[in-house]
Amino acid sequence: MSRFTMHACVRGRVQGVFFRQSTVRQARALGVVGWVRNQPDGSVECMLTGPQQAIDDMTDWLRVGPERARVDSLELTACDLEEFEAFEQR
């Protein structure tokens, strides 16, 4: 099965609303590996690796985020394949 890597930048009310913790939980449930971290500008950055369908499902989830979040924009960039051990919060 082919695996792909996607970089994501999520903007809106995405810090202080358990966005990173929820992203970790969702990614692990979908079998996606990579990482998520807060950025100084208030955005959340993710690197996602997995099968195409899992990446699509994860990016669909990122467009909405957890209950208390408000996602204003999601920027996605396809990257060269990058392998990770698991999905972690940085």
PDB file of N, CA and C in Angstrom:
ATOM      1  N   MET A   1       0.843  -1.180   0.000  1.00  0.00           N
ATOM      2  CA  MET A   1       0.000   0.000   0.000  1.00  0.00           C
ATOM      3  C   MET A   1       0.892   1.248   0.000  1.00  0.00           C
ATOM      4  N   SER A   2       0.582   2.162  -0.901  1.00  0.00           N
ATOM      5  CA  SER A   2       1.365   3.401  -0.994  1.00  0.00           C
ATOM      6  C   SER A   2       1.110   4.299   0.206  1.00  0.00           C
ATOM      7  N   ARG A   3       2.181   4.949   0.630  1.00  0.00           N
ATOM      8  CA  ARG A   3       2.077   5.886   1.747  1.00  0.00           C
ATOM      9  C   ARG A   3       2.476   7.267   1.239  1.00  0.00           C
ATOM     10  N   PHE A   4       1.882   8.284   1.833  1.00  0.00           N
ATOM     11  CA  PHE A   4       2.101   9.665   1.426  1.00  0.00           C
ATOM     12  C   PHE A   4       2.360  10.533   2.648  1.00  0.00           C
ATOM     13  N   THR A   5       3.022  11.661   2.437  1.00  0.00           N
ATOM     14  CA  THR A   5       3.263  12.624   3.514  1.00  0.00           C
ATOM     15  C   THR A   5       2.670  13.964   3.119  1.00  0.00           C
ATOM     16  N   MET A   6       1.966  14.581   4.067  1.00  0.00           N
ATOM     17  CA  MET A   6       1.324  15.867   3.861  1.00  0.00           C
ATOM     18  C   MET A   6       1.685  16.791   5.022  1.00  0.00           C
ATOM     19  N   HIS A   7       2.038  18.026   4.692  1.00  0.00           N
ATOM     20  CA  HIS A   7       2.251  19.063   5.704  1.00  0.00           C
ATOM     21  C   HIS A   7       0.964  19.872   5.779  1.00  0.00           C
ATOM     22  N   ALA A   8       0.533  20.180   6.997  1.00  0.00           N
ATOM     23  CA  ALA A   8      -0.695  20.942   7.196  1.00  0.00           C
ATOM     24  C   ALA A   8      -0.439  22.106   8.145  1.00  0.00           C
ATOM     25  N   CYS A   9      -1.035  23.248   7.824  1.00  0.00           N
ATOM     26  CA  CYS A   9      -1.009  24.412   8.705  1.00  0.00           C
ATOM     27  C   CYS A   9      -2.454  24.837   8.934  1.00  0.00           C
ATOM     28  N   VAL A  10      -2.883  24.799  10.189  1.00  0.00           N
ATOM     29  CA  VAL A  10      -4.261  25.090  10.556  1.00  0.00           C
ATOM     30  C   VAL A  10      -4.289  26.438  11.263  1.00  0.00           C
ATOM     31  N   ARG A  11      -5.158  27.337  10.783  1.00  0.00           N
ATOM     32  CA  ARG A  11      -5.281  28.674  11.383  1.00  0.00           C
ATOM     33  C   ARG A  11      -6.704  28.898  11.880  1.00  0.00           C
ATOM     34  N   GLY A  12      -6.814  29.715  12.914  1.00  0.00           N
ATOM     35  CA  GLY A  12      -8.103  30.018  13.523  1.00  0.00           C
ATOM     36  C   GLY A  12      -7.934  29.986  15.043  1.00  0.00           C
ATOM     37  N   ARG A  13      -9.001  29.598  15.742  1.00  0.00           N
ATOM     38  CA  ARG A  13      -8.886  29.407  17.201  1.00  0.00           C
ATOM     39  C   ARG A  13      -8.477  27.949  17.400  1.00  0.00           C
ATOM     40  N   VAL A  14      -7.161  27.710  17.326  1.00  0.00           N
ATOM     41  CA  VAL A  14      -6.650  26.343  17.346  1.00  0.00           C
ATOM     42  C   VAL A  14      -5.620  26.112  18.452  1.00  0.00           C
ATOM     43  N   GLN A  15      -5.358  27.124  19.273  1.00  0.00           N
ATOM     44  CA  GLN A  15      -4.496  26.936  20.444  1.00  0.00           C
ATOM     45  C   GLN A  15      -5.334  27.194  21.687  1.00  0.00           C
ATOM     46  N   GLY A  16      -5.089  26.390  22.725  1.00  0.00           N
ATOM     47  CA  GLY A  16      -5.843  26.523  23.969  1.00  0.00           C
ATOM     48  C   GLY A  16      -7.201  25.855  23.920  1.00  0.00           C
ATOM     49  N   VAL A  17      -7.433  25.012  22.915  1.00  0.00           N
ATOM     50  CA  VAL A  17      -8.720  24.312  22.780  1.00  0.00           C
ATOM     51  C   VAL A  17      -8.515  22.802  22.612  1.00  0.00           C
ATOM     52  N   PHE A  18      -7.373  22.303  23.087  1.00  0.00           N
ATOM     53  CA  PHE A  18      -7.026  20.872  23.016  1.00  0.00           C
ATOM     54  C   PHE A  18      -6.901  20.373  21.578  1.00  0.00           C
ATOM     55  N   PHE A  19      -6.510  21.259  20.669  1.00  0.00           N
ATOM     56  CA  PHE A  19      -6.374  20.879  19.263  1.00  0.00           C
ATOM     57  C   PHE A  19      -5.277  19.844  19.069  1.00  0.00           C
ATOM     58  N   ARG A  20      -4.112  20.079  19.664  1.00  0.00           N
ATOM     59  CA  ARG A  20      -3.014  19.123  19.481  1.00  0.00           C
ATOM     60  C   ARG A  20      -3.351  17.757  20.063  1.00  0.00           C
ATOM     61  N   GLN A  21      -3.889  17.732  21.282  1.00  0.00           N
ATOM     62  CA  GLN A  21      -4.217  16.448  21.910  1.00  0.00           C
ATOM     63  C   GLN A  21      -5.271  15.697  21.089  1.00  0.00           C
ATOM     64  N   SER A  22      -6.257  16.426  20.584  1.00  0.00           N
ATOM     65  CA  SER A  22      -7.302  15.805  19.766  1.00  0.00           C
ATOM     66  C   SER A  22      -6.740  15.314  18.439  1.00  0.00           C
ATOM     67  N   THR A  23      -5.779  16.050  17.886  1.00  0.00           N
ATOM     68  CA  THR A  23      -5.143  15.645  16.634  1.00  0.00           C
ATOM     69  C   THR A  23      -4.372  14.341  16.830  1.00  0.00           C
ATOM     70  N   VAL A  24      -3.651  14.231  17.930  1.00  0.00           N
ATOM     71  CA  VAL A  24      -2.927  12.994  18.241  1.00  0.00           C
ATOM     72  C   VAL A  24      -3.908  11.826  18.314  1.00  0.00           C
ATOM     73  N   ARG A  25      -4.991  11.995  19.031  1.00  0.00           N
ATOM     74  CA  ARG A  25      -5.983  10.925  19.203  1.00  0.00           C
ATOM     75  C   ARG A  25      -6.576  10.519  17.840  1.00  0.00           C
ATOM     76  N   GLN A  26      -6.938  11.507  17.026  1.00  0.00           N
ATOM     77  CA  GLN A  26      -7.549  11.235  15.722  1.00  0.00           C
ATOM     78  C   GLN A  26      -6.558  10.552  14.776  1.00  0.00           C
ATOM     79  N   ALA A  27      -5.326  11.057  14.736  1.00  0.00           N
ATOM     80  CA  ALA A  27      -4.309  10.475  13.849  1.00  0.00           C
ATOM     81  C   ALA A  27      -4.037   9.018  14.219  1.00  0.00           C
ATOM     82  N   ARG A  28      -3.900   8.746  15.503  1.00  0.00           N
ATOM     83  CA  ARG A  28      -3.637   7.369  15.938  1.00  0.00           C
ATOM     84  C   ARG A  28      -4.804   6.463  15.575  1.00  0.00           C
ATOM     85  N   ALA A  29      -6.035   6.963  15.723  1.00  0.00           N
ATOM     86  CA  ALA A  29      -7.222   6.172  15.378  1.00  0.00           C
ATOM     87  C   ALA A  29      -7.255   5.839  13.885  1.00  0.00           C
ATOM     88  N   LEU A  30      -6.727   6.741  13.057  1.00  0.00           N
ATOM     89  CA  LEU A  30      -6.731   6.536  11.605  1.00  0.00           C
ATOM     90  C   LEU A  30      -5.481   5.820  11.095  1.00  0.00           C
ATOM     91  N   GLY A  31      -4.506   5.579  11.971  1.00  0.00           N
ATOM     92  CA  GLY A  31      -3.279   4.928  11.554  1.00  0.00           C
ATOM     93  C   GLY A  31      -2.300   5.865  10.856  1.00  0.00           C
ATOM     94  N   VAL A  32      -2.411   7.157  11.156  1.00  0.00           N
ATOM     95  CA  VAL A  32      -1.506   8.166  10.592  1.00  0.00           C
ATOM     96  C   VAL A  32      -0.360   8.384  11.574  1.00  0.00           C
ATOM     97  N   VAL A  33       0.860   8.513  11.061  1.00  0.00           N
ATOM     98  CA  VAL A  33       2.022   8.811  11.894  1.00  0.00           C
ATOM     99  C   VAL A  33       2.548  10.195  11.524  1.00  0.00           C
ATOM    100  N   GLY A  34       3.313  10.790  12.449  1.00  0.00           N
ATOM    101  CA  GLY A  34       3.864  12.126  12.223  1.00  0.00           C
ATOM    102  C   GLY A  34       3.884  12.917  13.507  1.00  0.00           C
ATOM    103  N   TRP A  35       3.571  14.217  13.412  1.00  0.00           N
ATOM    104  CA  TRP A  35       3.606  15.071  14.597  1.00  0.00           C
ATOM    105  C   TRP A  35       2.697  16.277  14.418  1.00  0.00           C
ATOM    106  N   VAL A  36       2.432  16.936  15.550  1.00  0.00           N
ATOM    107  CA  VAL A  36       1.659  18.181  15.585  1.00  0.00           C
ATOM    108  C   VAL A  36       2.312  19.105  16.596  1.00  0.00           C
ATOM    109  N   ARG A  37       2.342  20.413  16.309  1.00  0.00           N
ATOM    110  CA  ARG A  37       2.913  21.378  17.254  1.00  0.00           C
ATOM    111  C   ARG A  37       2.282  22.753  17.048  1.00  0.00           C
ATOM    112  N   ASN A  38       2.280  23.534  18.121  1.00  0.00           N
ATOM    113  CA  ASN A  38       1.845  24.926  18.060  1.00  0.00           C
ATOM    114  C   ASN A  38       2.940  25.759  17.405  1.00  0.00           C
ATOM    115  N   GLN A  39       2.525  26.815  16.720  1.00  0.00           N
ATOM    116  CA  GLN A  39       3.456  27.762  16.129  1.00  0.00           C
ATOM    117  C   GLN A  39       3.309  29.107  16.857  1.00  0.00           C
ATOM    118  N   PRO A  40       4.370  29.902  16.904  1.00  0.00           N
ATOM    119  CA  PRO A  40       4.312  31.196  17.605  1.00  0.00           C
ATOM    120  C   PRO A  40       3.238  32.142  17.061  1.00  0.00           C
ATOM    121  N   ASP A  41       2.850  31.985  15.797  1.00  0.00           N
ATOM    122  CA  ASP A  41       1.837  32.884  15.209  1.00  0.00           C
ATOM    123  C   ASP A  41       0.409  32.481  15.561  1.00  0.00           C
ATOM    124  N   GLY A  42       0.246  31.438  16.404  1.00  0.00           N
ATOM    125  CA  GLY A  42      -1.090  31.014  16.824  1.00  0.00           C
ATOM    126  C   GLY A  42      -1.663  29.877  15.995  1.00  0.00           C
ATOM    127  N   SER A  43      -0.955  29.458  14.964  1.00  0.00           N
ATOM    128  CA  SER A  43      -1.422  28.346  14.142  1.00  0.00           C
ATOM    129  C   SER A  43      -0.941  27.018  14.731  1.00  0.00           C
ATOM    130  N   VAL A  44      -1.436  25.934  14.155  1.00  0.00           N
ATOM    131  CA  VAL A  44      -0.985  24.591  14.503  1.00  0.00           C
ATOM    132  C   VAL A  44      -0.440  23.956  13.231  1.00  0.00           C
ATOM    133  N   GLU A  45       0.740  23.353  13.345  1.00  0.00           N
ATOM    134  CA  GLU A  45       1.413  22.725  12.212  1.00  0.00           C
ATOM    135  C   GLU A  45       1.434  21.216  12.417  1.00  0.00           C
ATOM    136  N   CYS A  46       1.197  20.458  11.339  1.00  0.00           N
ATOM    137  CA  CYS A  46       1.203  18.993  11.404  1.00  0.00           C
ATOM    138  C   CYS A  46       2.004  18.431  10.239  1.00  0.00           C
ATOM    139  N   MET A  47       2.603  17.284  10.479  1.00  0.00           N
ATOM    140  CA  MET A  47       3.199  16.477   9.416  1.00  0.00           C
ATOM    141  C   MET A  47       2.520  15.121   9.518  1.00  0.00           C
ATOM    142  N   LEU A  48       1.918  14.661   8.429  1.00  0.00           N
ATOM    143  CA  LEU A  48       1.094  13.461   8.419  1.00  0.00           C
ATOM    144  C   LEU A  48       1.625  12.468   7.397  1.00  0.00           C
ATOM    145  N   THR A  49       1.815  11.217   7.789  1.00  0.00           N
ATOM    146  CA  THR A  49       2.215  10.164   6.852  1.00  0.00           C
ATOM    147  C   THR A  49       1.280   8.977   7.027  1.00  0.00           C
ATOM    148  N   GLY A  50       0.811   8.455   5.899  1.00  0.00           N
ATOM    149  CA  GLY A  50      -0.054   7.285   5.930  1.00  0.00           C
ATOM    150  C   GLY A  50      -0.605   6.985   4.556  1.00  0.00           C
ATOM    151  N   PRO A  51      -1.491   5.983   4.470  1.00  0.00           N
ATOM    152  CA  PRO A  51      -2.160   5.681   3.204  1.00  0.00           C
ATOM    153  C   PRO A  51      -3.022   6.873   2.767  1.00  0.00           C
ATOM    154  N   GLN A  52      -3.254   6.996   1.470  1.00  0.00           N
ATOM    155  CA  GLN A  52      -3.997   8.152   0.948  1.00  0.00           C
ATOM    156  C   GLN A  52      -5.339   8.349   1.644  1.00  0.00           C
ATOM    157  N   GLN A  53      -6.115   7.272   1.834  1.00  0.00           N
ATOM    158  CA  GLN A  53      -7.436   7.421   2.452  1.00  0.00           C
ATOM    159  C   GLN A  53      -7.322   7.942   3.890  1.00  0.00           C
ATOM    160  N   ALA A  54      -6.333   7.461   4.639  1.00  0.00           N
ATOM    161  CA  ALA A  54      -6.139   7.925   6.014  1.00  0.00           C
ATOM    162  C   ALA A  54      -5.742   9.409   6.034  1.00  0.00           C
ATOM    163  N   ILE A  55      -4.888   9.816   5.084  1.00  0.00           N
ATOM    164  CA  ILE A  55      -4.502  11.233   4.995  1.00  0.00           C
ATOM    165  C   ILE A  55      -5.723  12.082   4.645  1.00  0.00           C
ATOM    166  N   ASP A  56      -6.534  11.608   3.690  1.00  0.00           N
ATOM    167  CA  ASP A  56      -7.755  12.341   3.317  1.00  0.00           C
ATOM    168  C   ASP A  56      -8.697  12.472   4.515  1.00  0.00           C
ATOM    169  N   ASP A  57      -8.885  11.379   5.257  1.00  0.00           N
ATOM    170  CA  ASP A  57      -9.771  11.417   6.433  1.00  0.00           C
ATOM    171  C   ASP A  57      -9.214  12.365   7.494  1.00  0.00           C
ATOM    172  N   MET A  58      -7.897  12.354   7.669  1.00  0.00           N
ATOM    173  CA  MET A  58      -7.271  13.226   8.666  1.00  0.00           C
ATOM    174  C   MET A  58      -7.409  14.692   8.258  1.00  0.00           C
ATOM    175  N   THR A  59      -7.182  15.006   6.998  1.00  0.00           N
ATOM    176  CA  THR A  59      -7.299  16.412   6.572  1.00  0.00           C
ATOM    177  C   THR A  59      -8.754  16.871   6.637  1.00  0.00           C
ATOM    178  N   ASP A  60      -9.709  15.977   6.362  1.00  0.00           N
ATOM    179  CA  ASP A  60     -11.123  16.332   6.547  1.00  0.00           C
ATOM    180  C   ASP A  60     -11.385  16.696   8.003  1.00  0.00           C
ATOM    181  N   TRP A  61     -10.814  15.913   8.926  1.00  0.00           N
ATOM    182  CA  TRP A  61     -10.991  16.199  10.356  1.00  0.00           C
ATOM    183  C   TRP A  61     -10.339  17.537  10.725  1.00  0.00           C
ATOM    184  N   LEU A  62      -9.145  17.810  10.169  1.00  0.00           N
ATOM    185  CA  LEU A  62      -8.443  19.065  10.478  1.00  0.00           C
ATOM    186  C   LEU A  62      -9.233  20.291  10.032  1.00  0.00           C
ATOM    187  N   ARG A  63     -10.066  20.157   9.014  1.00  0.00           N
ATOM    188  CA  ARG A  63     -10.874  21.291   8.528  1.00  0.00           C
ATOM    189  C   ARG A  63     -11.887  21.749   9.577  1.00  0.00           C
ATOM    190  N   VAL A  64     -12.214  20.848  10.520  1.00  0.00           N
ATOM    191  CA  VAL A  64     -13.200  21.144  11.563  1.00  0.00           C
ATOM    192  C   VAL A  64     -12.545  21.224  12.936  1.00  0.00           C
ATOM    193  N   GLY A  65     -11.688  20.224  13.241  1.00  0.00           N
ATOM    194  CA  GLY A  65     -11.000  20.188  14.529  1.00  0.00           C
ATOM    195  C   GLY A  65     -11.912  19.747  15.652  1.00  0.00           C
ATOM    196  N   PRO A  66     -11.418  19.841  16.887  1.00  0.00           N
ATOM    197  CA  PRO A  66     -12.217  19.436  18.046  1.00  0.00           C
ATOM    198  C   PRO A  66     -13.326  20.452  18.335  1.00  0.00           C
ATOM    199  N   GLU A  67     -14.172  20.102  19.261  1.00  0.00           N
ATOM    200  CA  GLU A  67     -15.394  20.857  19.555  1.00  0.00           C
ATOM    201  C   GLU A  67     -15.167  22.354  19.786  1.00  0.00           C
ATOM    202  N   ARG A  68     -14.160  22.732  20.570  1.00  0.00           N
ATOM    203  CA  ARG A  68     -13.982  24.139  20.949  1.00  0.00           C
ATOM    204  C   ARG A  68     -13.166  24.945  19.941  1.00  0.00           C
ATOM    205  N   ALA A  69     -12.670  24.283  18.909  1.00  0.00           N
ATOM    206  CA  ALA A  69     -11.839  24.967  17.910  1.00  0.00           C
ATOM    207  C   ALA A  69     -12.704  25.680  16.877  1.00  0.00           C
ATOM    208  N   ARG A  70     -12.086  26.651  16.196  1.00  0.00           N
ATOM    209  CA  ARG A  70     -12.690  27.290  15.033  1.00  0.00           C
ATOM    210  C   ARG A  70     -11.607  27.338  13.959  1.00  0.00           C
ATOM    211  N   VAL A  71     -11.750  26.536  12.932  1.00  0.00           N
ATOM    212  CA  VAL A  71     -10.755  26.496  11.867  1.00  0.00           C
ATOM    213  C   VAL A  71     -11.147  27.496  10.796  1.00  0.00           C
ATOM    214  N   ASP A  72     -10.261  28.483  10.578  1.00  0.00           N
ATOM    215  CA  ASP A  72     -10.495  29.494   9.540  1.00  0.00           C
ATOM    216  C   ASP A  72      -9.873  29.086   8.218  1.00  0.00           C
ATOM    217  N   SER A  73      -8.731  28.409   8.270  1.00  0.00           N
ATOM    218  CA  SER A  73      -8.086  27.959   7.033  1.00  0.00           C
ATOM    219  C   SER A  73      -7.209  26.751   7.309  1.00  0.00           C
ATOM    220  N   LEU A  74      -7.035  25.954   6.273  1.00  0.00           N
ATOM    221  CA  LEU A  74      -6.167  24.777   6.309  1.00  0.00           C
ATOM    222  C   LEU A  74      -5.332  24.797   5.044  1.00  0.00           C
ATOM    223  N   GLU A  75      -4.018  24.931   5.220  1.00  0.00           N
ATOM    224  CA  GLU A  75      -3.096  24.900   4.081  1.00  0.00           C
ATOM    225  C   GLU A  75      -2.440  23.528   4.040  1.00  0.00           C
ATOM    226  N   LEU A  76      -2.532  22.864   2.893  1.00  0.00           N
ATOM    227  CA  LEU A  76      -1.972  21.526   2.731  1.00  0.00           C
ATOM    228  C   LEU A  76      -0.895  21.551   1.666  1.00  0.00           C
ATOM    229  N   THR A  77       0.219  20.893   1.944  1.00  0.00           N
ATOM    230  CA  THR A  77       1.317  20.787   0.992  1.00  0.00           C
ATOM    231  C   THR A  77       1.800  19.344   0.963  1.00  0.00           C
ATOM    232  N   ALA A  78       1.766  18.741  -0.216  1.00  0.00           N
ATOM    233  CA  ALA A  78       2.308  17.390  -0.367  1.00  0.00           C
ATOM    234  C   ALA A  78       3.826  17.455  -0.238  1.00  0.00           C
ATOM    235  N   CYS A  79       4.404  16.473   0.436  1.00  0.00           N
ATOM    236  CA  CYS A  79       5.853  16.436   0.686  1.00  0.00           C
ATOM    237  C   CYS A  79       6.416  15.102   0.215  1.00  0.00           C
ATOM    238  N   ASP A  80       7.739  15.031   0.117  1.00  0.00           N
ATOM    239  CA  ASP A  80       8.388  13.749  -0.108  1.00  0.00           C
ATOM    240  C   ASP A  80       8.061  12.854   1.079  1.00  0.00           C
ATOM    241  N   LEU A  81       7.959  11.564   0.819  1.00  0.00           N
ATOM    242  CA  LEU A  81       7.615  10.609   1.874  1.00  0.00           C
ATOM    243  C   LEU A  81       8.585  10.737   3.041  1.00  0.00           C
ATOM    244  N   GLU A  82       8.018  10.870   4.229  1.00  0.00           N
ATOM    245  CA  GLU A  82       8.800  10.938   5.462  1.00  0.00           C
ATOM    246  C   GLU A  82       8.189   9.929   6.426  1.00  0.00           C
ATOM    247  N   GLU A  83       9.002   9.039   6.957  1.00  0.00           N
ATOM    248  CA  GLU A  83       8.490   8.003   7.865  1.00  0.00           C
ATOM    249  C   GLU A  83       8.701   8.414   9.322  1.00  0.00           C
ATOM    250  N   PHE A  84       7.732   8.063  10.145  1.00  0.00           N
ATOM    251  CA  PHE A  84       7.780   8.356  11.580  1.00  0.00           C
ATOM    252  C   PHE A  84       7.429   7.078  12.331  1.00  0.00           C
ATOM    253  N   GLU A  85       7.852   7.010  13.582  1.00  0.00           N
ATOM    254  CA  GLU A  85       7.558   5.838  14.422  1.00  0.00           C
ATOM    255  C   GLU A  85       6.089   5.801  14.856  1.00  0.00           C
ATOM    256  N   ALA A  86       5.547   6.958  15.203  1.00  0.00           N
ATOM    257  CA  ALA A  86       4.191   7.061  15.744  1.00  0.00           C
ATOM    258  C   ALA A  86       3.698   8.477  15.473  1.00  0.00           C
ATOM    259  N   PHE A  87       2.575   8.852  16.059  1.00  0.00           N
ATOM    260  CA  PHE A  87       2.112  10.239  15.968  1.00  0.00           C
ATOM    261  C   PHE A  87       2.317  10.877  17.329  1.00  0.00           C
ATOM    262  N   GLU A  88       3.022  12.021  17.351  1.00  0.00           N
ATOM    263  CA  GLU A  88       3.367  12.642  18.629  1.00  0.00           C
ATOM    264  C   GLU A  88       3.064  14.128  18.632  1.00  0.00           C
ATOM    265  N   GLN A  89       2.888  14.623  19.841  1.00  0.00           N
ATOM    266  CA  GLN A  89       2.721  16.065  20.061  1.00  0.00           C
ATOM    267  C   GLN A  89       4.099  16.630  20.377  1.00  0.00           C
ATOM    268  N   ARG A  90       4.474  17.695  19.682  1.00  0.00           N
ATOM    269  CA  ARG A  90       5.784  18.313  19.925  1.00  0.00           C
ATOM    270  C   ARG A  90       5.615  19.645  20.618  1.00  0.00           C
TER     271      ARG A  90
END
